[in-house]
PDB file of N, CA and C in Angstrom:
ATOM      1  N   UNK A   1      85.220 137.567 131.288  1.00  0.00           N
ATOM      2  CA  UNK A   1      86.253 136.624 130.945  1.00  0.00           C
ATOM      3  C   UNK A   1      86.071 135.353 131.682  1.00  0.00           C
ATOM      4  N   UNK A   2      86.175 134.230 131.010  1.00  0.00           N
ATOM      5  CA  UNK A   2      85.906 132.931 131.672  1.00  0.00           C
ATOM      6  C   UNK A   2      87.178 132.439 132.332  1.00  0.00           C
ATOM      7  N   UNK A   3      87.007 131.927 133.465  1.00  0.00           N
ATOM      8  CA  UNK A   3      88.135 131.316 134.190  1.00  0.00           C
ATOM      9  C   UNK A   3      88.177 129.806 133.968  1.00  0.00           C
ATOM     10  N   UNK A   4      89.310 129.242 134.377  1.00  0.00           N
ATOM     11  CA  UNK A   4      89.443 127.780 134.196  1.00  0.00           C
ATOM     12  C   UNK A   4      88.385 127.017 134.958  1.00  0.00           C
ATOM     13  N   UNK A   5      88.006 127.499 136.110  1.00  0.00           N
ATOM     14  CA  UNK A   5      87.008 126.781 136.877  1.00  0.00           C
ATOM     15  C   UNK A   5      85.641 126.783 136.163  1.00  0.00           C
ATOM     16  N   UNK A   6      85.371 127.910 135.488  1.00  0.00           N
ATOM     17  CA  UNK A   6      84.105 127.974 134.715  1.00  0.00           C
ATOM     18  C   UNK A   6      84.113 126.961 133.533  1.00  0.00           C
ATOM     19  N   UNK A   7      85.264 126.889 132.858  1.00  0.00           N
ATOM     20  CA  UNK A   7      85.390 125.923 131.760  1.00  0.00           C
ATOM     21  C   UNK A   7      85.219 124.499 132.291  1.00  0.00           C
ATOM     22  N   UNK A   8      85.864 124.262 133.428  1.00  0.00           N
ATOM     23  CA  UNK A   8      85.847 122.917 134.034  1.00  0.00           C
ATOM     24  C   UNK A   8      84.381 122.554 134.418  1.00  0.00           C
ATOM     25  N   UNK A   9      83.636 123.499 134.972  1.00  0.00           N
ATOM     26  CA  UNK A   9      82.264 123.274 135.347  1.00  0.00           C
ATOM     27  C   UNK A   9      81.400 122.957 134.094  1.00  0.00           C
ATOM     28  N   UNK A  10      81.575 123.777 133.013  1.00  0.00           N
ATOM     29  CA  UNK A  10      80.804 123.593 131.808  1.00  0.00           C
ATOM     30  C   UNK A  10      81.131 122.238 131.156  1.00  0.00           C
ATOM     31  N   UNK A  11      82.384 121.893 131.166  1.00  0.00           N
ATOM     32  CA  UNK A  11      82.836 120.592 130.591  1.00  0.00           C
ATOM     33  C   UNK A  11      82.190 119.431 131.434  1.00  0.00           C
ATOM     34  N   UNK A  12      82.080 119.627 132.684  1.00  0.00           N
ATOM     35  CA  UNK A  12      81.417 118.650 133.554  1.00  0.00           C
ATOM     36  C   UNK A  12      79.991 118.464 133.178  1.00  0.00           C
ATOM     37  N   UNK A  13      79.260 119.608 132.845  1.00  0.00           N
ATOM     38  CA  UNK A  13      77.863 119.531 132.452  1.00  0.00           C
ATOM     39  C   UNK A  13      77.742 118.759 131.078  1.00  0.00           C
ATOM     40  N   UNK A  14      78.656 119.096 130.183  1.00  0.00           N
ATOM     41  CA  UNK A  14      78.580 118.508 128.817  1.00  0.00           C
ATOM     42  C   UNK A  14      78.899 117.001 128.922  1.00  0.00           C
ATOM     43  N   UNK A  15      80.018 116.662 129.539  1.00  0.00           N
ATOM     44  CA  UNK A  15      80.434 115.268 129.589  1.00  0.00           C
ATOM     45  C   UNK A  15      79.684 114.466 130.615  1.00  0.00           C
ATOM     46  N   UNK A  16      78.846 115.097 131.376  1.00  0.00           N
ATOM     47  CA  UNK A  16      78.008 114.364 132.352  1.00  0.00           C
ATOM     48  C   UNK A  16      76.926 113.581 131.662  1.00  0.00           C
ATOM     49  N   UNK A  17      76.589 113.929 130.463  1.00  0.00           N
ATOM     50  CA  UNK A  17      75.495 113.212 129.765  1.00  0.00           C
ATOM     51  C   UNK A  17      76.138 112.044 128.945  1.00  0.00           C
ATOM     52  N   UNK A  18      75.506 110.921 129.110  1.00  0.00           N
ATOM     53  CA  UNK A  18      75.970 109.673 128.495  1.00  0.00           C
ATOM     54  C   UNK A  18      75.880 109.806 126.945  1.00  0.00           C
ATOM     55  N   UNK A  19      74.826 110.474 126.463  1.00  0.00           N
ATOM     56  CA  UNK A  19      74.624 110.596 125.056  1.00  0.00           C
ATOM     57  C   UNK A  19      75.762 111.377 124.361  1.00  0.00           C
ATOM     58  N   UNK A  20      76.242 112.412 125.071  1.00  0.00           N
ATOM     59  CA  UNK A  20      77.330 113.223 124.476  1.00  0.00           C
ATOM     60  C   UNK A  20      78.618 112.368 124.379  1.00  0.00           C
ATOM     61  N   UNK A  21      78.872 111.561 125.415  1.00  0.00           N
ATOM     62  CA  UNK A  21      80.057 110.735 125.333  1.00  0.00           C
ATOM     63  C   UNK A  21      79.962 109.707 124.199  1.00  0.00           C
ATOM     64  N   UNK A  22      78.817 109.084 124.063  1.00  0.00           N
ATOM     65  CA  UNK A  22      78.626 108.143 123.032  1.00  0.00           C
ATOM     66  C   UNK A  22      78.707 108.736 121.605  1.00  0.00           C
ATOM     67  N   UNK A  23      78.122 109.942 121.492  1.00  0.00           N
ATOM     68  CA  UNK A  23      78.184 110.657 120.213  1.00  0.00           C
ATOM     69  C   UNK A  23      79.643 111.005 119.866  1.00  0.00           C
ATOM     70  N   UNK A  24      80.394 111.553 120.785  1.00  0.00           N
ATOM     71  CA  UNK A  24      81.777 111.850 120.540  1.00  0.00           C
ATOM     72  C   UNK A  24      82.602 110.648 120.181  1.00  0.00           C
ATOM     73  N   UNK A  25      82.302 109.489 120.819  1.00  0.00           N
ATOM     74  CA  UNK A  25      83.021 108.259 120.499  1.00  0.00           C
ATOM     75  C   UNK A  25      82.719 107.816 119.068  1.00  0.00           C
ATOM     76  N   UNK A  26      81.464 107.900 118.693  1.00  0.00           N
ATOM     77  CA  UNK A  26      81.098 107.500 117.366  1.00  0.00           C
ATOM     78  C   UNK A  26      81.789 108.404 116.316  1.00  0.00           C
ATOM     79  N   UNK A  27      81.737 109.718 116.630  1.00  0.00           N
ATOM     80  CA  UNK A  27      82.353 110.664 115.665  1.00  0.00           C
ATOM     81  C   UNK A  27      83.875 110.394 115.580  1.00  0.00           C
ATOM     82  N   UNK A  28      84.500 110.116 116.671  1.00  0.00           N
ATOM     83  CA  UNK A  28      85.951 109.824 116.687  1.00  0.00           C
ATOM     84  C   UNK A  28      86.224 108.575 115.831  1.00  0.00           C
ATOM     85  N   UNK A  29      85.409 107.528 116.029  1.00  0.00           N
ATOM     86  CA  UNK A  29      85.608 106.247 115.291  1.00  0.00           C
ATOM     87  C   UNK A  29      85.431 106.444 113.790  1.00  0.00           C
ATOM     88  N   UNK A  30      84.329 107.180 113.451  1.00  0.00           N
ATOM     89  CA  UNK A  30      84.073 107.470 112.032  1.00  0.00           C
ATOM     90  C   UNK A  30      85.161 108.277 111.390  1.00  0.00           C
ATOM     91  N   UNK A  31      85.692 109.205 112.140  1.00  0.00           N
ATOM     92  CA  UNK A  31      86.853 110.056 111.607  1.00  0.00           C
ATOM     93  C   UNK A  31      88.088 109.214 111.408  1.00  0.00           C
ATOM     94  N   UNK A  32      88.336 108.341 112.340  1.00  0.00           N
ATOM     95  CA  UNK A  32      89.468 107.485 112.213  1.00  0.00           C
ATOM     96  C   UNK A  32      89.380 106.543 111.007  1.00  0.00           C
ATOM     97  N   UNK A  33      88.183 105.939 110.817  1.00  0.00           N
ATOM     98  CA  UNK A  33      88.006 105.056 109.700  1.00  0.00           C
ATOM     99  C   UNK A  33      88.106 105.838 108.389  1.00  0.00           C
ATOM    100  N   UNK A  34      87.573 107.030 108.369  1.00  0.00           N
ATOM    101  CA  UNK A  34      87.648 107.860 107.152  1.00  0.00           C
ATOM    102  C   UNK A  34      89.090 108.174 106.792  1.00  0.00           C
ATOM    103  N   UNK A  35      89.893 108.630 107.763  1.00  0.00           N
ATOM    104  CA  UNK A  35      91.296 108.941 107.481  1.00  0.00           C
ATOM    105  C   UNK A  35      92.046 107.720 107.072  1.00  0.00           C
ATOM    106  N   UNK A  36      91.791 106.536 107.680  1.00  0.00           N
ATOM    107  CA  UNK A  36      92.473 105.301 107.325  1.00  0.00           C
ATOM    108  C   UNK A  36      92.095 104.913 105.865  1.00  0.00           C
ATOM    109  N   UNK A  37      90.844 105.053 105.521  1.00  0.00           N
ATOM    110  CA  UNK A  37      90.394 104.733 104.179  1.00  0.00           C
ATOM    111  C   UNK A  37      91.038 105.708 103.164  1.00  0.00           C
ATOM    112  N   UNK A  38      91.085 106.944 103.488  1.00  0.00           N
ATOM    113  CA  UNK A  38      91.758 107.888 102.517  1.00  0.00           C
ATOM    114  C   UNK A  38      93.208 107.578 102.337  1.00  0.00           C
ATOM    115  N   UNK A  39      93.903 107.211 103.420  1.00  0.00           N
ATOM    116  CA  UNK A  39      95.331 106.912 103.375  1.00  0.00           C
ATOM    117  C   UNK A  39      95.530 105.647 102.486  1.00  0.00           C
ATOM    118  N   UNK A  40      94.647 104.620 102.698  1.00  0.00           N
ATOM    119  CA  UNK A  40      94.790 103.463 101.903  1.00  0.00           C
ATOM    120  C   UNK A  40      94.565 103.720 100.421  1.00  0.00           C
ATOM    121  N   UNK A  41      93.584 104.584 100.142  1.00  0.00           N
ATOM    122  CA  UNK A  41      93.263 104.938  98.745  1.00  0.00           C
ATOM    123  C   UNK A  41      94.552 105.628  98.101  1.00  0.00           C
ATOM    124  N   UNK A  42      95.080 106.562  98.833  1.00  0.00           N
ATOM    125  CA  UNK A  42      96.301 107.272  98.282  1.00  0.00           C
ATOM    126  C   UNK A  42      97.464 106.348  98.095  1.00  0.00           C
ATOM    127  N   UNK A  43      97.670 105.363  98.957  1.00  0.00           N
ATOM    128  CA  UNK A  43      98.760 104.394  98.802  1.00  0.00           C
ATOM    129  C   UNK A  43      98.481 103.546  97.573  1.00  0.00           C
ATOM    130  N   UNK A  44      97.242 103.178  97.350  1.00  0.00           N
ATOM    131  CA  UNK A  44      96.870 102.373  96.204  1.00  0.00           C
ATOM    132  C   UNK A  44      97.099 103.189  94.875  1.00  0.00           C
ATOM    133  N   UNK A  45      96.763 104.472  94.892  1.00  0.00           N
ATOM    134  CA  UNK A  45      96.995 105.274  93.748  1.00  0.00           C
ATOM    135  C   UNK A  45      98.472 105.456  93.435  1.00  0.00           C
ATOM    136  N   UNK A  46      99.259 105.606  94.494  1.00  0.00           N
ATOM    137  CA  UNK A  46     100.706 105.759  94.325  1.00  0.00           C
ATOM    138  C   UNK A  46     101.332 104.425  93.790  1.00  0.00           C
ATOM    139  N   UNK A  47     100.815 103.309  94.237  1.00  0.00           N
ATOM    140  CA  UNK A  47     101.276 102.035  93.703  1.00  0.00           C
ATOM    141  C   UNK A  47     100.870 101.833  92.254  1.00  0.00           C
ATOM    142  N   UNK A  48      99.714 102.269  91.915  1.00  0.00           N
ATOM    143  CA  UNK A  48      99.222 102.202  90.510  1.00  0.00           C
ATOM    144  C   UNK A  48     100.097 103.077  89.584  1.00  0.00           C
ATOM    145  N   UNK A  49     100.459 104.239  90.090  1.00  0.00           N
ATOM    146  CA  UNK A  49     101.326 105.131  89.254  1.00  0.00           C
ATOM    147  C   UNK A  49     102.686 104.469  89.053  1.00  0.00           C
ATOM    148  N   UNK A  50     103.233 103.873  90.092  1.00  0.00           N
ATOM    149  CA  UNK A  50     104.551 103.167  89.924  1.00  0.00           C
ATOM    150  C   UNK A  50     104.462 102.066  88.916  1.00  0.00           C
ATOM    151  N   UNK A  51     103.425 101.252  88.983  1.00  0.00           N
ATOM    152  CA  UNK A  51     103.221 100.140  88.050  1.00  0.00           C
ATOM    153  C   UNK A  51     103.028 100.682  86.642  1.00  0.00           C
ATOM    154  N   UNK A  52     102.247 101.748  86.461  1.00  0.00           N
ATOM    155  CA  UNK A  52     102.049 102.325  85.135  1.00  0.00           C
ATOM    156  C   UNK A  52     103.340 102.901  84.529  1.00  0.00           C
ATOM    157  N   UNK A  53     104.188 103.478  85.424  1.00  0.00           N
ATOM    158  CA  UNK A  53     105.480 104.021  84.908  1.00  0.00           C
ATOM    159  C   UNK A  53     106.359 102.860  84.391  1.00  0.00           C
ATOM    160  N   UNK A  54     106.367 101.734  85.082  1.00  0.00           N
ATOM    161  CA  UNK A  54     107.142 100.571  84.606  1.00  0.00           C
ATOM    162  C   UNK A  54     106.648 100.037  83.300  1.00  0.00           C
ATOM    163  N   UNK A  55     105.342  99.936  83.167  1.00  0.00           N
ATOM    164  CA  UNK A  55     104.719  99.410  81.945  1.00  0.00           C
ATOM    165  C   UNK A  55     104.900 100.399  80.812  1.00  0.00           C
ATOM    166  N   UNK A  56     104.800 101.720  81.135  1.00  0.00           N
ATOM    167  CA  UNK A  56     104.991 102.758  80.089  1.00  0.00           C
ATOM    168  C   UNK A  56     106.421 102.687  79.515  1.00  0.00           C
ATOM    169  N   UNK A  57     107.423 102.427  80.403  1.00  0.00           N
ATOM    170  CA  UNK A  57     108.775 102.289  79.922  1.00  0.00           C
ATOM    171  C   UNK A  57     108.931 101.117  78.956  1.00  0.00           C
ATOM    172  N   UNK A  58     108.307 100.007  79.350  1.00  0.00           N
ATOM    173  CA  UNK A  58     108.370  98.805  78.510  1.00  0.00           C
ATOM    174  C   UNK A  58     107.761  99.033  77.158  1.00  0.00           C
ATOM    175  N   UNK A  59     106.552  99.632  77.136  1.00  0.00           N
ATOM    176  CA  UNK A  59     105.900  99.994  75.887  1.00  0.00           C
ATOM    177  C   UNK A  59     106.727 100.962  75.020  1.00  0.00           C
ATOM    178  N   UNK A  60     107.309 101.908  75.650  1.00  0.00           N
ATOM    179  CA  UNK A  60     108.092 102.933  74.926  1.00  0.00           C
ATOM    180  C   UNK A  60     109.267 102.241  74.294  1.00  0.00           C
ATOM    181  N   UNK A  61     109.963 101.364  74.999  1.00  0.00           N
ATOM    182  CA  UNK A  61     111.107 100.650  74.439  1.00  0.00           C
ATOM    183  C   UNK A  61     110.728  99.790  73.236  1.00  0.00           C
ATOM    184  N   UNK A  62     109.515  99.175  73.350  1.00  0.00           N
ATOM    185  CA  UNK A  62     109.032  98.337  72.236  1.00  0.00           C
ATOM    186  C   UNK A  62     108.768  99.205  71.008  1.00  0.00           C
ATOM    187  N   UNK A  63     108.238 100.378  71.170  1.00  0.00           N
ATOM    188  CA  UNK A  63     107.919 101.282  70.037  1.00  0.00           C
ATOM    189  C   UNK A  63     109.233 101.794  69.476  1.00  0.00           C
ATOM    190  N   UNK A  64     110.205 102.106  70.306  1.00  0.00           N
ATOM    191  CA  UNK A  64     111.487 102.590  69.819  1.00  0.00           C
ATOM    192  C   UNK A  64     112.194 101.594  68.944  1.00  0.00           C
ATOM    193  N   UNK A  65     112.081 100.313  69.268  1.00  0.00           N
ATOM    194  CA  UNK A  65     112.728  99.295  68.470  1.00  0.00           C
ATOM    195  C   UNK A  65     112.057  99.127  67.076  1.00  0.00           C
ATOM    196  N   UNK A  66     110.807  99.455  66.929  1.00  0.00           N
ATOM    197  CA  UNK A  66     110.105  99.331  65.684  1.00  0.00           C
ATOM    198  C   UNK A  66     110.047 100.613  64.804  1.00  0.00           C
ATOM    199  N   UNK A  67     110.459 101.705  65.341  1.00  0.00           N
ATOM    200  CA  UNK A  67     110.400 102.943  64.555  1.00  0.00           C
ATOM    201  C   UNK A  67     111.835 103.425  64.236  1.00  0.00           C
ATOM    202  N   UNK A  68     111.920 104.199  63.145  1.00  0.00           N
ATOM    203  CA  UNK A  68     113.246 104.571  62.709  1.00  0.00           C
ATOM    204  C   UNK A  68     113.676 105.961  63.152  1.00  0.00           C
ATOM    205  N   UNK A  69     112.689 106.870  63.410  1.00  0.00           N
ATOM    206  CA  UNK A  69     113.037 108.232  63.860  1.00  0.00           C
ATOM    207  C   UNK A  69     112.171 108.608  65.101  1.00  0.00           C
ATOM    208  N   UNK A  70     112.657 109.636  65.731  1.00  0.00           N
ATOM    209  CA  UNK A  70     111.988 109.994  67.004  1.00  0.00           C
ATOM    210  C   UNK A  70     110.649 110.586  66.818  1.00  0.00           C
ATOM    211  N   UNK A  71     110.383 111.183  65.657  1.00  0.00           N
ATOM    212  CA  UNK A  71     109.033 111.757  65.420  1.00  0.00           C
ATOM    213  C   UNK A  71     108.002 110.666  65.336  1.00  0.00           C
ATOM    214  N   UNK A  72     108.343 109.506  64.702  1.00  0.00           N
ATOM    215  CA  UNK A  72     107.422 108.394  64.643  1.00  0.00           C
ATOM    216  C   UNK A  72     107.235 107.773  66.005  1.00  0.00           C
ATOM    217  N   UNK A  73     108.324 107.745  66.829  1.00  0.00           N
ATOM    218  CA  UNK A  73     108.217 107.244  68.183  1.00  0.00           C
ATOM    219  C   UNK A  73     107.289 108.064  68.983  1.00  0.00           C
ATOM    220  N   UNK A  74     107.400 109.392  68.855  1.00  0.00           N
ATOM    221  CA  UNK A  74     106.457 110.305  69.616  1.00  0.00           C
ATOM    222  C   UNK A  74     105.055 110.091  69.163  1.00  0.00           C
ATOM    223  N   UNK A  75     104.826 109.825  67.888  1.00  0.00           N
ATOM    224  CA  UNK A  75     103.483 109.705  67.394  1.00  0.00           C
ATOM    225  C   UNK A  75     102.845 108.318  67.806  1.00  0.00           C
ATOM    226  N   UNK A  76     103.632 107.288  67.670  1.00  0.00           N
ATOM    227  CA  UNK A  76     103.045 105.939  67.831  1.00  0.00           C
ATOM    228  C   UNK A  76     103.080 105.459  69.299  1.00  0.00           C
ATOM    229  N   UNK A  77     103.862 106.112  70.158  1.00  0.00           N
ATOM    230  CA  UNK A  77     103.897 105.709  71.567  1.00  0.00           C
ATOM    231  C   UNK A  77     102.841 106.439  72.356  1.00  0.00           C
ATOM    232  N   UNK A  78     102.307 105.773  73.338  1.00  0.00           N
ATOM    233  CA  UNK A  78     101.420 106.425  74.289  1.00  0.00           C
ATOM    234  C   UNK A  78     102.284 107.158  75.330  1.00  0.00           C
ATOM    235  N   UNK A  79     101.794 108.237  75.791  1.00  0.00           N
ATOM    236  CA  UNK A  79     102.488 109.061  76.784  1.00  0.00           C
ATOM    237  C   UNK A  79     101.620 109.076  78.054  1.00  0.00           C
ATOM    238  N   UNK A  80     102.220 108.706  79.135  1.00  0.00           N
ATOM    239  CA  UNK A  80     101.493 108.624  80.419  1.00  0.00           C
ATOM    240  C   UNK A  80     101.535 109.977  81.097  1.00  0.00           C
ATOM    241  N   UNK A  81     100.374 110.513  81.442  1.00  0.00           N
ATOM    242  CA  UNK A  81     100.347 111.682  82.250  1.00  0.00           C
ATOM    243  C   UNK A  81      99.517 111.354  83.533  1.00  0.00           C
ATOM    244  N   UNK A  82      99.939 111.931  84.634  1.00  0.00           N
ATOM    245  CA  UNK A  82      99.255 111.608  85.885  1.00  0.00           C
ATOM    246  C   UNK A  82      99.338 112.761  86.869  1.00  0.00           C
ATOM    247  N   UNK A  83      98.506 112.754  87.840  1.00  0.00           N
ATOM    248  CA  UNK A  83      98.547 113.731  88.936  1.00  0.00           C
ATOM    249  C   UNK A  83      98.746 112.984  90.220  1.00  0.00           C
ATOM    250  N   UNK A  84      99.958 113.001  90.760  1.00  0.00           N
ATOM    251  CA  UNK A  84     100.203 112.231  91.964  1.00  0.00           C
ATOM    252  C   UNK A  84      99.416 112.849  93.166  1.00  0.00           C
ATOM    253  N   UNK A  85      99.040 112.033  94.114  1.00  0.00           N
ATOM    254  CA  UNK A  85      98.340 112.577  95.278  1.00  0.00           C
ATOM    255  C   UNK A  85      99.218 113.509  96.127  1.00  0.00           C
ATOM    256  N   UNK A  86      98.575 114.560  96.555  1.00  0.00           N
ATOM    257  CA  UNK A  86      99.358 115.527  97.458  1.00  0.00           C
ATOM    258  C   UNK A  86      99.575 114.875  98.827  1.00  0.00           C
ATOM    259  N   UNK A  87     100.447 115.460  99.615  1.00  0.00           N
ATOM    260  CA  UNK A  87     100.750 114.864 100.943  1.00  0.00           C
ATOM    261  C   UNK A  87      99.518 114.777 101.845  1.00  0.00           C
ATOM    262  N   UNK A  88      98.578 115.686 101.709  1.00  0.00           N
ATOM    263  CA  UNK A  88      97.394 115.703 102.573  1.00  0.00           C
ATOM    264  C   UNK A  88      96.148 115.172 101.835  1.00  0.00           C
ATOM    265  N   UNK A  89      96.345 114.469 100.743  1.00  0.00           N
ATOM    266  CA  UNK A  89      95.205 113.956  99.937  1.00  0.00           C
ATOM    267  C   UNK A  89      94.379 112.959 100.731  1.00  0.00           C
ATOM    268  N   UNK A  90      94.985 112.272 101.641  1.00  0.00           N
ATOM    269  CA  UNK A  90      94.288 111.239 102.421  1.00  0.00           C
ATOM    270  C   UNK A  90      93.173 111.870 103.281  1.00  0.00           C
ATOM    271  N   UNK A  91      93.317 113.118 103.668  1.00  0.00           N
ATOM    272  CA  UNK A  91      92.377 113.787 104.563  1.00  0.00           C
ATOM    273  C   UNK A  91      91.094 114.147 103.785  1.00  0.00           C
ATOM    274  N   UNK A  92      91.218 114.460 102.505  1.00  0.00           N
ATOM    275  CA  UNK A  92      90.043 114.783 101.718  1.00  0.00           C
ATOM    276  C   UNK A  92      90.276 114.310 100.326  1.00  0.00           C
ATOM    277  N   UNK A  93      89.795 113.109 100.003  1.00  0.00           N
ATOM    278  CA  UNK A  93      90.014 112.471  98.740  1.00  0.00           C
ATOM    279  C   UNK A  93      89.323 113.372  97.618  1.00  0.00           C
ATOM    280  N   UNK A  94      88.224 113.922  97.980  1.00  0.00           N
ATOM    281  CA  UNK A  94      87.528 114.847  97.089  1.00  0.00           C
ATOM    282  C   UNK A  94      87.067 114.175  95.803  1.00  0.00           C
ATOM    283  N   UNK A  95      87.461 114.692  94.678  1.00  0.00           N
ATOM    284  CA  UNK A  95      86.971 114.189  93.399  1.00  0.00           C
ATOM    285  C   UNK A  95      88.010 113.344  92.657  1.00  0.00           C
ATOM    286  N   UNK A  96      89.052 112.903  93.399  1.00  0.00           N
ATOM    287  CA  UNK A  96      90.030 112.024  92.773  1.00  0.00           C
ATOM    288  C   UNK A  96      89.397 110.705  92.445  1.00  0.00           C
ATOM    289  N   UNK A  97      88.328 110.286  93.128  1.00  0.00           N
ATOM    290  CA  UNK A  97      87.716 109.046  92.802  1.00  0.00           C
ATOM    291  C   UNK A  97      86.675 109.222  91.707  1.00  0.00           C
ATOM    292  N   UNK A  98      86.338 110.431  91.286  1.00  0.00           N
ATOM    293  CA  UNK A  98      85.358 110.685  90.265  1.00  0.00           C
ATOM    294  C   UNK A  98      86.031 111.033  88.937  1.00  0.00           C
ATOM    295  N   UNK A  99      86.946 111.972  88.974  1.00  0.00           N
ATOM    296  CA  UNK A  99      87.639 112.406  87.747  1.00  0.00           C
ATOM    297  C   UNK A  99      88.980 111.600  87.587  1.00  0.00           C
ATOM    298  N   UNK A 100      89.314 111.301  86.305  1.00  0.00           N
ATOM    299  CA  UNK A 100      90.568 110.518  86.136  1.00  0.00           C
ATOM    300  C   UNK A 100      91.773 111.299  86.541  1.00  0.00           C
ATOM    301  N   UNK A 101      92.694 110.663  87.193  1.00  0.00           N
ATOM    302  CA  UNK A 101      93.925 111.253  87.613  1.00  0.00           C
ATOM    303  C   UNK A 101      95.119 110.701  86.828  1.00  0.00           C
ATOM    304  N   UNK A 102      94.799 109.830  85.855  1.00  0.00           N
ATOM    305  CA  UNK A 102      95.869 109.299  84.983  1.00  0.00           C
ATOM    306  C   UNK A 102      95.279 109.204  83.561  1.00  0.00           C
ATOM    307  N   UNK A 103      96.115 109.463  82.598  1.00  0.00           N
ATOM    308  CA  UNK A 103      95.736 109.435  81.175  1.00  0.00           C
ATOM    309  C   UNK A 103      96.863 108.827  80.372  1.00  0.00           C
ATOM    310  N   UNK A 104      96.457 108.204  79.220  1.00  0.00           N
ATOM    311  CA  UNK A 104      97.453 107.731  78.246  1.00  0.00           C
ATOM    312  C   UNK A 104      97.087 108.495  77.019  1.00  0.00           C
ATOM    313  N   UNK A 105      98.000 109.335  76.552  1.00  0.00           N
ATOM    314  CA  UNK A 105      97.679 110.195  75.361  1.00  0.00           C
ATOM    315  C   UNK A 105      98.713 109.917  74.254  1.00  0.00           C
ATOM    316  N   UNK A 106      98.326 110.315  73.080  1.00  0.00           N
ATOM    317  CA  UNK A 106      99.286 110.221  71.917  1.00  0.00           C
ATOM    318  C   UNK A 106      99.522 111.635  71.422  1.00  0.00           C
ATOM    319  N   UNK A 107     100.742 111.798  70.959  1.00  0.00           N
ATOM    320  CA  UNK A 107     101.165 113.112  70.349  1.00  0.00           C
ATOM    321  C   UNK A 107     100.584 113.138  68.967  1.00  0.00           C
ATOM    322  N   UNK A 108     100.059 114.327  68.571  1.00  0.00           N
ATOM    323  CA  UNK A 108      99.613 114.513  67.256  1.00  0.00           C
ATOM    324  C   UNK A 108     100.320 115.723  66.639  1.00  0.00           C
ATOM    325  N   UNK A 109     100.647 115.622  65.408  1.00  0.00           N
ATOM    326  CA  UNK A 109     101.334 116.740  64.730  1.00  0.00           C
ATOM    327  C   UNK A 109     100.341 117.342  63.693  1.00  0.00           C
ATOM    328  N   UNK A 110     100.193 118.610  63.786  1.00  0.00           N
ATOM    329  CA  UNK A 110      99.335 119.304  62.834  1.00  0.00           C
ATOM    330  C   UNK A 110     100.187 120.082  61.819  1.00  0.00           C
ATOM    331  N   UNK A 111      99.920 119.916  60.549  1.00  0.00           N
ATOM    332  CA  UNK A 111     100.757 120.557  59.551  1.00  0.00           C
ATOM    333  C   UNK A 111      99.916 121.629  58.912  1.00  0.00           C
TER     334      UNK A 111
END
């Protein structure tokens, strides 16, 4: 079983090397920049969703004024679907930048 003094001695050996300190500093800085970048991307996606919801409402109201029944409104209006970022999405953006996370679709009726 290792004692605290053993851990302290081993940490002294590891951190006694200048290269280890520099490497850990670089890793810490890269991690910080990565998390900041992910957070900024998620904030941007959330703002985009809010803007799209406002514009979707305006478009939907315009279609409602031109159509006489709700079936035609559902057919001619675009419907916004989106996947909001999860609370921890900033830590691992993953494929949110590759695959679409928002769509505009139209309803189709099959008879």
